[in-house]
Each structure stands twice: as structure tokens, then as C-alpha cells.
Amino acid sequence: MYFVTYQYNAFSEGGILTADETKVLPITTIGKLMGLKFPERLIDFIPMATDELLADIKKVMTEHQNLGINLGLVKLLAPIPKPPRNIFCLGKNYADHAKEIRNIPSMGDVPENPIYFSKLPTSVTGPDTVILSHAKATKQIDYEVELAIVIGKEGADIPKEDAEAYIFGYTIANDITARDLQKKHSQWYKGKSLDTFCPLGPRILHKNDLKIPFDLDITCRINGEVRQHSSTGRMIFDIPSIISDLSQGMTLLPGDIILTGTPAGVGFALDPPQFLKHGDQIEAEIEKIGILRNTIE
């Protein structure tokens, strides 16, 4: 089941794609068909999404696919356009990437423990949007395709064996980075948080359609050239470990987003380095989830 946030006739709300992925049914419409009142925003629906409710929704959608809006008529936004909290991120969670950027300040080559940082909510942008170049602030914009976890329910001190129960689903992120700012400030927050530096989307795949453990192809292309190609099974810290460790002494909330790290092939590590420039087309793709496309302003 794929969840989206979309704009139609200048109005935006959450929706669910039909089985053939050609139409979207508004969550509010689905609620009315069930005699229930669902919120317009996907982030407000997420805590309600029990397995039982989703099973009922699937039945209703099968019977009423004709009520869907053709995807060609809507504009897809980031699934969670305005996260209420910072986006959690992992650094150096693929060994090959950790080795290729060893000269960026951190805790060594391949980390023994997860490296956490965050991105501002204002860095989020959606699919098919421009990434601002911020020419006055940076000259070294880089790409990082990542699998993103969307948390489904509140929890703290979560055991690894229970981690999947706290997930809503998965989407694609591009952890756009100003490498010069990252190096200048030693801490990664500034270089990762410029406006539009966190493209998300185009949709969320519900966890019931992607059971742990899984191993998905993950790819990033720049102007059609493959720069990154790996698999999510090569993460150093897997998804249950990430959720369990991050939640120790710290509460995770529905709608929280966790970026799980990027594989090797970033522009900074190429010889010579190849940073993004005006007009570059970026495609971040993860098997079963889709393709997130953006353009550098």
C-alpha cells in the first residue's frame, strides 16, 4: 500500500494509491465511505493506521477505485511536507561510503556505534522540485540517496525485536549536502540543513508490504549516469538496531523520519570531485518504493 501527499486544484491532502498505481484516493474520501472521519494530513492519519483499519481500507478501495483521481492530474508533494521535528540521520552507515569520505570529521573510518545528526524540517522538499543552489553559501553541493524510515507510533527504549511494530513505512530521501560547510563547521548540521536539502518521496510504502529483513537495490543517477549503486542489506547498522539504539532514553513520535545512510559513490569522493551544478538532474531510486527526481536550480 502506497501513501502520498498530493496537491489537486490548489488543495493538498493525504491519499492512497489504487492497486494499479494510476489513481489516488483521498484519505478523507475513504473515511467517508467507511462512515469515519479521517484527517486531511497524512501525518495525522499515521497514528490511526492499525493493521485492522488498513485491511478495511483495502477492501473499500477495491470497491471504489473509480473514485480515485488520475495521478496525471495531481502534483505529488513530500509525503510529510512539514515534519514537526528535525529529521534524524545516520552518517557512515555503509562501510564503503565510510571509507571514501574518511577526511570528513567524524569518529573514524567504519563506526563502532551509529553516528547521528539531524536536518531541519525546512530542508524538506518534494519530488520533481528544484534544489536551491545557495550560491552565496556553498560551492560544493553533493547528493546522497538514502532509505528513509517513517515512524508509525510513539515509543522509547524499544527492543530490537519490537522495532518493526513502531514503523509506518519507508520512503526515499536525498541527503543533499554542502561539503564545504560540512568541513568548515566540523559538525554536519549546517551543511545538511539548507533549504530544499532534503528531498523526500515520491511515496511511502507501508511496512506490511516490505517485511524486515529486506535487501533492496538503491541507486542514484546524475544526468542519467549511475553514481551510486548498492543494496540496503549492506548497512552497517540494520533498521531494528537503528530504531532500538535511537530510542534509548529518547521518545520517537509518529511521523518522525529517520534517514539510514548512503552507500559509496558520492561526488565529493570521486577523482576529481564532481559537485552538483545548475541544471543537473538527480534520480534517487530504491527498489519497490520508486524514483525521487529533482533538479539543481
Protein backbone atom coordinates (compact mmCIF):
# COMPACT_ATOMS: atom_id res chain seq x y z
CA MET A 1 0.00 0.00 0.00
CA TYR A 2 1.45 3.34 -1.11
CA PHE A 3 0.67 6.57 0.76
CA VAL A 4 1.22 10.03 -0.73
CA THR A 5 0.59 13.69 -0.09
CA TYR A 6 -0.61 15.45 -3.21
CA GLN A 7 -1.91 18.79 -4.47
CA TYR A 8 -5.04 18.96 -6.60
CA ASN A 9 -6.79 22.19 -7.57
CA ALA A 10 -4.58 24.14 -5.14
CA PHE A 11 -5.61 21.89 -2.24
CA SER A 12 -3.26 19.38 -0.63
CA GLU A 13 -4.06 16.28 1.41
CA GLY A 14 -3.02 12.71 2.03
CA GLY A 15 -4.06 9.85 -0.20
CA ILE A 16 -3.55 6.18 -1.01
CA LEU A 17 -2.69 4.85 -4.46
CA THR A 18 -5.01 2.37 -6.14
CA ALA A 19 -3.73 -1.16 -6.71
CA ASP A 20 -2.73 -0.36 -10.31
CA GLU A 21 -0.94 2.81 -9.12
CA THR A 22 -2.73 5.01 -11.65
CA LYS A 23 -5.04 6.89 -9.28
CA VAL A 24 -5.05 8.29 -5.77
CA LEU A 25 -7.97 8.15 -3.35
CA PRO A 26 -8.08 10.97 -0.79
CA ILE A 27 -7.88 9.69 2.77
CA THR A 28 -10.87 11.84 3.68
CA THR A 29 -12.96 10.25 0.93
CA ILE A 30 -12.03 6.77 2.12
CA GLY A 31 -13.09 7.75 5.62
CA LYS A 32 -16.48 8.94 4.41
CA LEU A 33 -17.05 5.67 2.56
CA MET A 34 -16.36 3.85 5.83
CA GLY A 35 -18.54 6.15 7.92
CA LEU A 36 -15.44 7.55 9.63
CA LYS A 37 -13.73 10.93 9.76
CA PHE A 38 -10.11 10.81 8.67
CA PRO A 39 -7.76 13.82 8.86
CA GLU A 40 -6.62 15.57 5.70
CA ARG A 41 -2.91 15.40 6.52
CA LEU A 42 -1.08 12.10 6.17
CA ILE A 43 0.99 12.78 9.28
CA ASP A 44 -2.21 12.99 11.33
CA PHE A 45 -3.52 9.74 9.84
CA ILE A 46 -0.36 7.75 10.56
CA PRO A 47 -1.06 7.11 14.29
CA MET A 48 -4.51 5.76 13.36
CA ALA A 49 -3.22 3.24 10.84
CA THR A 50 -3.61 -0.09 12.61
CA ASP A 51 -3.39 -3.30 10.62
CA GLU A 52 -7.10 -3.86 11.15
CA LEU A 53 -8.01 -0.42 9.82
CA LEU A 54 -5.74 -0.79 6.80
CA ALA A 55 -7.32 -4.14 5.95
CA ASP A 56 -10.74 -2.47 5.96
CA ILE A 57 -9.40 0.40 3.85
CA LYS A 58 -8.02 -2.01 1.27
CA LYS A 59 -11.46 -3.59 0.87
CA VAL A 60 -13.12 -0.19 0.42
CA MET A 61 -10.53 0.88 -2.13
CA THR A 62 -11.05 -2.27 -4.16
CA GLU A 63 -14.76 -1.49 -4.38
CA HIS A 64 -14.37 2.23 -5.14
CA GLN A 65 -11.29 2.61 -7.37
CA ASN A 66 -13.41 4.65 -9.78
CA LEU A 67 -13.49 7.48 -7.23
CA GLY A 68 -9.74 7.95 -7.46
CA ILE A 69 -8.08 10.98 -9.05
CA ASN A 70 -5.83 10.25 -12.03
CA LEU A 71 -2.20 10.64 -10.96
CA GLY A 72 -1.53 12.69 -14.06
CA LEU A 73 -3.80 15.41 -12.69
CA VAL A 74 -2.12 15.82 -9.31
CA LYS A 75 1.20 17.15 -8.07
CA LEU A 76 2.94 14.84 -5.62
CA LEU A 77 4.46 16.58 -2.62
CA ALA A 78 6.82 15.24 0.02
CA PRO A 79 4.79 12.59 1.89
CA ILE A 80 5.32 14.62 5.06
CA PRO A 81 5.84 18.15 3.70
CA LYS A 82 6.36 19.84 7.07
CA PRO A 83 7.82 17.45 9.63
CA PRO A 84 7.11 18.69 13.17
CA ARG A 85 10.62 17.76 14.31
CA ASN A 86 14.12 17.59 12.89
CA ILE A 87 14.85 14.68 10.58
CA PHE A 88 17.06 12.07 12.24
CA CYS A 89 20.01 10.92 10.12
CA LEU A 90 22.77 8.33 10.25
CA GLY A 91 26.24 9.06 8.97
CA LYS A 92 28.62 6.46 7.57
CA ASN A 93 26.18 3.54 7.72
CA TYR A 94 27.65 1.78 4.67
CA ALA A 95 31.27 0.65 5.07
CA ASP A 96 32.27 1.57 1.51
CA HIS A 97 30.95 5.12 1.97
CA ALA A 98 32.64 5.45 5.37
CA LYS A 99 35.99 4.67 3.78
CA GLU A 100 35.55 7.02 0.81
CA ILE A 101 34.94 10.11 2.99
CA ARG A 102 37.43 9.44 5.78
CA ASN A 103 38.75 13.01 5.64
CA ILE A 104 35.41 14.45 6.82
CA PRO A 105 35.49 14.98 10.62
CA SER A 106 33.86 12.09 12.45
CA MET A 107 34.70 9.22 14.76
CA GLY A 108 36.96 7.21 12.49
CA ASP A 109 36.50 5.21 9.31
CA VAL A 110 33.90 2.50 9.94
CA PRO A 111 31.95 3.44 13.09
CA GLU A 112 31.55 1.06 16.03
CA ASN A 113 28.36 2.86 17.03
CA PRO A 114 25.78 4.79 14.99
CA ILE A 115 26.69 8.38 14.11
CA TYR A 116 23.65 10.64 14.44
CA PHE A 117 22.95 14.11 13.14
CA SER A 118 19.82 15.92 12.02
CA LYS A 119 18.39 18.11 9.29
CA LEU A 120 15.99 20.99 9.79
CA PRO A 121 12.34 20.44 8.82
CA THR A 122 12.68 23.44 6.50
CA SER A 123 15.15 21.43 4.39
CA VAL A 124 12.34 19.17 3.15
CA THR A 125 11.14 19.41 -0.43
CA GLY A 126 9.17 17.03 -2.61
CA PRO A 127 9.60 15.11 -5.86
CA ASP A 128 10.08 16.97 -9.15
CA THR A 129 11.12 20.18 -7.39
CA VAL A 130 14.26 22.27 -7.64
CA ILE A 131 17.07 22.05 -5.13
CA LEU A 132 18.30 25.56 -4.43
CA SER A 133 21.99 26.09 -5.19
CA HIS A 134 22.55 28.65 -2.40
CA ALA A 135 25.49 30.08 -4.36
CA LYS A 136 26.29 32.65 -1.65
CA ALA A 137 26.60 29.95 1.00
CA THR A 138 28.23 26.97 -0.76
CA LYS A 139 30.17 25.92 -3.84
CA GLN A 140 30.16 22.17 -3.17
CA ILE A 141 26.69 20.59 -3.32
CA ASP A 142 26.62 16.80 -3.16
CA TYR A 143 24.00 14.03 -3.35
CA GLU A 144 23.30 11.03 -1.07
CA VAL A 145 20.48 8.60 -1.86
CA GLU A 146 19.04 7.06 1.32
CA LEU A 147 16.27 4.80 2.54
CA ALA A 148 14.10 6.74 4.99
CA ILE A 149 12.05 5.19 7.79
CA VAL A 150 8.76 6.80 8.80
CA ILE A 151 7.80 6.08 12.41
CA GLY A 152 4.22 4.95 13.00
CA LYS A 153 3.70 5.10 16.74
CA GLU A 154 5.21 6.64 19.86
CA GLY A 155 7.86 4.69 21.68
CA ALA A 156 11.02 4.85 23.76
CA ASP A 157 13.56 2.24 24.87
CA ILE A 158 12.35 -0.01 22.05
CA PRO A 159 13.83 -3.54 21.97
CA LYS A 160 15.28 -4.60 18.62
CA GLU A 161 12.81 -7.45 18.32
CA ASP A 162 9.89 -4.99 18.61
CA ALA A 163 11.27 -2.28 16.30
CA GLU A 164 9.20 -3.16 13.23
CA ALA A 165 5.98 -2.58 15.19
CA TYR A 166 6.93 1.12 15.51
CA ILE A 167 7.44 1.66 11.77
CA PHE A 168 4.75 3.07 9.48
CA GLY A 169 6.64 2.66 6.25
CA TYR A 170 9.56 3.61 4.03
CA THR A 171 10.30 6.33 1.51
CA ILE A 172 13.28 7.74 -0.41
CA ALA A 173 15.42 10.65 0.72
CA ASN A 174 18.27 12.55 -0.89
CA ASP A 175 20.55 13.86 1.85
CA ILE A 176 21.83 16.86 -0.12
CA THR A 177 24.99 18.20 1.48
CA ALA A 178 27.15 21.32 1.24
CA ARG A 179 30.55 19.65 1.62
CA ASP A 180 32.45 22.89 2.16
CA LEU A 181 30.12 23.86 5.01
CA GLN A 182 30.28 20.34 6.42
CA LYS A 183 34.06 20.56 6.56
CA LYS A 184 34.15 24.19 7.70
CA HIS A 185 31.95 23.67 10.74
CA SER A 186 33.18 20.15 11.63
CA GLN A 187 29.64 19.35 12.80
CA TRP A 188 27.32 18.38 9.94
CA TYR A 189 24.12 20.22 10.90
CA LYS A 190 24.65 23.42 8.88
CA GLY A 191 25.90 21.74 5.72
CA LYS A 192 22.97 19.33 5.73
CA SER A 193 20.13 21.72 6.59
CA LEU A 194 19.98 24.40 3.90
CA ASP A 195 16.53 24.96 2.41
CA THR A 196 15.49 22.19 -0.05
CA PHE A 197 18.40 19.97 1.05
CA CYS A 198 16.13 17.06 1.99
CA PRO A 199 14.04 15.86 -0.95
CA LEU A 200 11.57 13.17 0.18
CA GLY A 201 9.18 10.92 -1.72
CA PRO A 202 7.54 10.28 -4.00
CA ARG A 203 5.52 7.96 -1.75
CA ILE A 204 5.62 5.86 1.41
CA LEU A 205 5.48 2.08 1.10
CA HIS A 206 3.69 0.62 4.12
CA LYS A 207 5.74 -1.77 6.24
CA ASN A 208 3.29 -4.64 5.66
CA ASP A 209 4.46 -4.72 2.05
CA LEU A 210 8.15 -4.76 2.98
CA LYS A 211 8.87 -7.07 5.88
CA ILE A 212 12.19 -7.00 7.73
CA PRO A 213 14.73 -8.28 6.83
CA PHE A 214 14.81 -6.99 3.26
CA ASP A 215 17.52 -6.16 0.76
CA LEU A 216 16.62 -3.54 -1.85
CA ASP A 217 18.63 -2.08 -4.72
CA ILE A 218 19.49 1.56 -4.04
CA THR A 219 20.73 3.80 -6.85
CA CYS A 220 21.49 7.45 -7.60
CA ARG A 221 21.88 8.81 -11.12
CA ILE A 222 23.13 12.24 -12.15
CA ASN A 223 22.02 13.23 -15.66
CA GLY A 224 21.44 9.54 -16.36
CA GLU A 225 24.89 8.42 -15.15
CA VAL A 226 24.86 5.90 -12.30
CA ARG A 227 26.92 7.31 -9.43
CA GLN A 228 25.70 5.17 -6.53
CA HIS A 229 24.51 1.57 -6.71
CA SER A 230 24.30 -0.74 -3.73
CA SER A 231 21.75 -2.58 -1.60
CA THR A 232 20.13 -1.73 1.71
CA GLY A 233 21.29 -5.08 3.07
CA ARG A 234 24.82 -3.64 3.22
CA MET A 235 24.00 -1.23 6.02
CA ILE A 236 26.37 -1.48 9.00
CA PHE A 237 23.51 -0.93 11.45
CA ASP A 238 20.25 -2.51 10.33
CA ILE A 239 16.81 -0.98 10.79
CA PRO A 240 15.88 -2.72 14.08
CA SER A 241 19.27 -1.74 15.54
CA ILE A 242 18.83 1.88 14.47
CA ILE A 243 15.36 2.23 15.97
CA SER A 244 16.31 0.48 19.19
CA ASP A 245 19.51 2.48 19.70
CA LEU A 246 18.00 5.84 18.75
CA SER A 247 15.03 5.33 21.08
CA GLN A 248 17.06 4.57 24.18
CA GLY A 249 16.11 7.36 26.57
CA MET A 250 14.57 9.32 23.70
CA THR A 251 10.95 9.16 22.55
CA LEU A 252 10.18 8.62 18.88
CA LEU A 253 6.88 10.04 17.62
CA PRO A 254 4.52 9.17 14.75
CA GLY A 255 5.72 10.90 11.59
CA ASP A 256 9.35 11.05 12.68
CA ILE A 257 11.69 10.45 9.74
CA ILE A 258 14.98 8.57 10.01
CA LEU A 259 17.50 8.62 7.14
CA THR A 260 19.55 5.43 7.25
CA GLY A 261 22.75 6.44 5.47
CA THR A 262 24.11 6.39 1.92
CA PRO A 263 26.36 3.98 0.00
CA ALA A 264 29.59 4.82 -1.81
CA GLY A 265 29.74 6.95 -4.94
CA VAL A 266 29.12 10.48 -3.69
CA GLY A 267 30.51 13.30 -5.80
CA PHE A 268 32.91 14.51 -3.13
CA ALA A 269 34.80 11.20 -3.17
CA LEU A 270 35.30 10.99 -6.95
CA ASP A 271 38.67 11.84 -8.50
CA PRO A 272 38.37 14.65 -9.31
CA PRO A 273 35.35 15.55 -7.14
CA GLN A 274 32.15 16.19 -9.09
CA PHE A 275 29.75 18.50 -7.32
CA LEU A 276 26.24 19.26 -8.48
CA LYS A 277 25.74 22.25 -10.77
CA HIS A 278 22.90 24.26 -12.26
CA GLY A 279 20.56 22.12 -14.35
CA ASP A 280 21.76 18.74 -13.09
CA GLN A 281 19.01 16.10 -12.99
CA ILE A 282 19.11 13.79 -9.96
CA GLU A 283 17.29 10.47 -9.74
CA ALA A 284 17.32 8.67 -6.39
CA GLU A 285 15.79 5.21 -6.78
CA ILE A 286 15.03 2.42 -4.33
CA GLU A 287 13.55 -0.87 -5.45
CA LYS A 288 9.82 -1.28 -4.69
CA ILE A 289 9.50 2.33 -3.50
CA GLY A 290 10.05 4.36 -6.66
CA ILE A 291 12.17 7.17 -8.08
CA LEU A 292 12.69 10.58 -6.48
CA ARG A 293 13.59 13.16 -9.13
CA ASN A 294 14.94 16.67 -8.54
CA THR A 295 16.83 19.35 -10.44
CA ILE A 296 19.55 21.72 -9.25
CA GLU A 297 18.42 25.33 -9.61
